[in-house]
């Protein structure tokens, strides 16, 4: 992906973060191990359902949940389930583009 495409994806993700049209998962208040289990289940089910993108809300807090969410998204990207993801300007929200089946 070129730098220009990255910029377009980041702008689109920012717009999508304010939308109620994406399937979303809110991880606020969950312990990290529970949140990561919920996130894995959510990503897998949305991938199987053919969703193109999803919104993950983890908040900023102490950064533990945020960092673990980012790490899991990076792992899913390496394994081909996640095409790309952007952490929107608010900081505690990720817009995730899922790979095609």
C-alpha atoms as a PDB file:
ATOM      1  CA  UNK A   1       0.000   0.000   0.000  1.00  0.00           C
ATOM      2  CA  UNK A   2       1.412   3.398  -0.933  1.00  0.00           C
ATOM      3  CA  UNK A   3       1.728   6.318   1.466  1.00  0.00           C
ATOM      4  CA  UNK A   4      -1.157   8.030  -0.298  1.00  0.00           C
ATOM      5  CA  UNK A   5      -3.370   4.960   0.132  1.00  0.00           C
ATOM      6  CA  UNK A   6      -2.406   4.810   3.814  1.00  0.00           C
ATOM      7  CA  UNK A   7      -3.561   8.409   4.198  1.00  0.00           C
ATOM      8  CA  UNK A   8      -6.868   7.671   2.508  1.00  0.00           C
ATOM      9  CA  UNK A   9      -7.415   4.602   4.687  1.00  0.00           C
ATOM     10  CA  UNK A  10      -6.656   6.660   7.815  1.00  0.00           C
ATOM     11  CA  UNK A  11      -9.170   9.348   6.753  1.00  0.00           C
ATOM     12  CA  UNK A  12     -11.807   6.736   5.950  1.00  0.00           C
ATOM     13  CA  UNK A  13     -11.198   5.015   9.279  1.00  0.00           C
ATOM     14  CA  UNK A  14     -11.594   8.302  11.127  1.00  0.00           C
ATOM     15  CA  UNK A  15     -14.955   8.850   9.407  1.00  0.00           C
ATOM     16  CA  UNK A  16     -16.028   5.269  10.101  1.00  0.00           C
ATOM     17  CA  UNK A  17     -15.187   5.649  13.788  1.00  0.00           C
ATOM     18  CA  UNK A  18     -18.103   8.079  14.094  1.00  0.00           C
ATOM     19  CA  UNK A  19     -20.469   5.762  12.236  1.00  0.00           C
ATOM     20  CA  UNK A  20     -22.961   3.356  13.745  1.00  0.00           C
ATOM     21  CA  UNK A  21     -22.883   1.242  10.574  1.00  0.00           C
ATOM     22  CA  UNK A  22     -19.977  -1.012  11.536  1.00  0.00           C
ATOM     23  CA  UNK A  23     -20.250  -4.039  13.782  1.00  0.00           C
ATOM     24  CA  UNK A  24     -18.541  -2.998  17.008  1.00  0.00           C
ATOM     25  CA  UNK A  25     -17.147  -4.509  20.141  1.00  0.00           C
ATOM     26  CA  UNK A  26     -16.745  -2.467  23.318  1.00  0.00           C
ATOM     27  CA  UNK A  27     -14.129  -3.915  25.662  1.00  0.00           C
ATOM     28  CA  UNK A  28     -14.408  -1.256  28.394  1.00  0.00           C
ATOM     29  CA  UNK A  29     -14.314  -2.671  31.894  1.00  0.00           C
ATOM     30  CA  UNK A  30     -13.137  -6.164  30.961  1.00  0.00           C
ATOM     31  CA  UNK A  31     -10.035  -7.814  32.371  1.00  0.00           C
ATOM     32  CA  UNK A  32      -7.361  -8.211  29.687  1.00  0.00           C
ATOM     33  CA  UNK A  33      -7.650 -12.007  29.388  1.00  0.00           C
ATOM     34  CA  UNK A  34     -11.444 -11.776  29.065  1.00  0.00           C
ATOM     35  CA  UNK A  35     -11.228  -8.878  26.614  1.00  0.00           C
ATOM     36  CA  UNK A  36      -8.782 -10.731  24.361  1.00  0.00           C
ATOM     37  CA  UNK A  37     -11.061 -13.785  24.338  1.00  0.00           C
ATOM     38  CA  UNK A  38     -14.021 -11.583  23.403  1.00  0.00           C
ATOM     39  CA  UNK A  39     -11.961  -9.854  20.715  1.00  0.00           C
ATOM     40  CA  UNK A  40     -10.798 -13.130  19.165  1.00  0.00           C
ATOM     41  CA  UNK A  41     -14.348 -14.488  19.119  1.00  0.00           C
ATOM     42  CA  UNK A  42     -15.709 -11.246  17.632  1.00  0.00           C
ATOM     43  CA  UNK A  43     -13.066 -11.029  14.893  1.00  0.00           C
ATOM     44  CA  UNK A  44     -13.517 -14.678  13.947  1.00  0.00           C
ATOM     45  CA  UNK A  45     -17.312 -14.469  13.799  1.00  0.00           C
ATOM     46  CA  UNK A  46     -17.327 -11.207  11.830  1.00  0.00           C
ATOM     47  CA  UNK A  47     -14.742 -12.620   9.422  1.00  0.00           C
ATOM     48  CA  UNK A  48     -16.874 -15.737   8.884  1.00  0.00           C
ATOM     49  CA  UNK A  49     -19.967 -13.554   8.419  1.00  0.00           C
ATOM     50  CA  UNK A  50     -18.171 -11.664   5.649  1.00  0.00           C
ATOM     51  CA  UNK A  51     -17.935  -8.281   7.362  1.00  0.00           C
ATOM     52  CA  UNK A  52     -15.580  -5.905   5.574  1.00  0.00           C
ATOM     53  CA  UNK A  53     -14.678  -3.810   8.627  1.00  0.00           C
ATOM     54  CA  UNK A  54     -15.370  -3.595  12.356  1.00  0.00           C
ATOM     55  CA  UNK A  55     -14.912  -1.102  15.173  1.00  0.00           C
ATOM     56  CA  UNK A  56     -13.103  -2.084  18.366  1.00  0.00           C
ATOM     57  CA  UNK A  57     -13.509   0.207  21.379  1.00  0.00           C
ATOM     58  CA  UNK A  58     -10.993  -0.396  24.142  1.00  0.00           C
ATOM     59  CA  UNK A  59     -10.463   3.063  25.608  1.00  0.00           C
ATOM     60  CA  UNK A  60      -7.148   4.494  26.687  1.00  0.00           C
ATOM     61  CA  UNK A  61      -7.101   3.995  30.464  1.00  0.00           C
ATOM     62  CA  UNK A  62      -3.747   2.740  31.702  1.00  0.00           C
ATOM     63  CA  UNK A  63      -2.874   1.507  28.209  1.00  0.00           C
ATOM     64  CA  UNK A  64      -2.822  -2.195  29.082  1.00  0.00           C
ATOM     65  CA  UNK A  65      -6.014  -3.077  27.211  1.00  0.00           C
ATOM     66  CA  UNK A  66      -5.100  -0.731  24.356  1.00  0.00           C
ATOM     67  CA  UNK A  67      -1.647  -2.302  23.927  1.00  0.00           C
ATOM     68  CA  UNK A  68      -2.985  -5.855  24.110  1.00  0.00           C
ATOM     69  CA  UNK A  69      -5.690  -5.046  21.566  1.00  0.00           C
ATOM     70  CA  UNK A  70      -3.104  -3.624  19.186  1.00  0.00           C
ATOM     71  CA  UNK A  71      -0.863  -6.665  19.686  1.00  0.00           C
ATOM     72  CA  UNK A  72      -3.693  -9.090  18.913  1.00  0.00           C
ATOM     73  CA  UNK A  73      -4.654  -7.101  15.795  1.00  0.00           C
ATOM     74  CA  UNK A  74      -1.024  -7.245  14.636  1.00  0.00           C
ATOM     75  CA  UNK A  75      -1.005 -11.039  15.139  1.00  0.00           C
ATOM     76  CA  UNK A  76      -4.241 -11.401  13.169  1.00  0.00           C
ATOM     77  CA  UNK A  77      -2.746  -9.225  10.441  1.00  0.00           C
ATOM     78  CA  UNK A  78       0.310 -11.481  10.238  1.00  0.00           C
ATOM     79  CA  UNK A  79      -1.960 -14.524   9.919  1.00  0.00           C
ATOM     80  CA  UNK A  80      -4.066 -12.933   7.179  1.00  0.00           C
ATOM     81  CA  UNK A  81      -7.385 -12.473   8.984  1.00  0.00           C
ATOM     82  CA  UNK A  82      -6.976  -8.706   9.343  1.00  0.00           C
ATOM     83  CA  UNK A  83      -6.040  -6.762   6.225  1.00  0.00           C
ATOM     84  CA  UNK A  84      -5.255  -3.529   8.048  1.00  0.00           C
ATOM     85  CA  UNK A  85      -6.229  -1.495  11.109  1.00  0.00           C
ATOM     86  CA  UNK A  86      -6.058   2.116  12.183  1.00  0.00           C
ATOM     87  CA  UNK A  87      -6.066   3.571  15.669  1.00  0.00           C
ATOM     88  CA  UNK A  88      -8.256   6.651  15.285  1.00  0.00           C
ATOM     89  CA  UNK A  89      -7.303  10.033  16.707  1.00  0.00           C
ATOM     90  CA  UNK A  90      -9.342   9.539  19.868  1.00  0.00           C
ATOM     91  CA  UNK A  91      -6.818   6.833  20.744  1.00  0.00           C
ATOM     92  CA  UNK A  92      -9.064   4.187  22.255  1.00  0.00           C
ATOM     93  CA  UNK A  93     -10.778   3.040  19.051  1.00  0.00           C
ATOM     94  CA  UNK A  94      -9.526   0.854  16.224  1.00  0.00           C
ATOM     95  CA  UNK A  95     -11.131   0.502  12.812  1.00  0.00           C
ATOM     96  CA  UNK A  96     -10.219  -2.902  11.418  1.00  0.00           C
ATOM     97  CA  UNK A  97     -10.415  -3.944   7.784  1.00  0.00           C
ATOM     98  CA  UNK A  98     -10.963  -7.700   7.635  1.00  0.00           C
ATOM     99  CA  UNK A  99      -9.424  -9.814   4.891  1.00  0.00           C
ATOM    100  CA  UNK A 100     -11.655 -11.500   2.344  1.00  0.00           C
ATOM    101  CA  UNK A 101     -12.440 -15.162   2.970  1.00  0.00           C
END
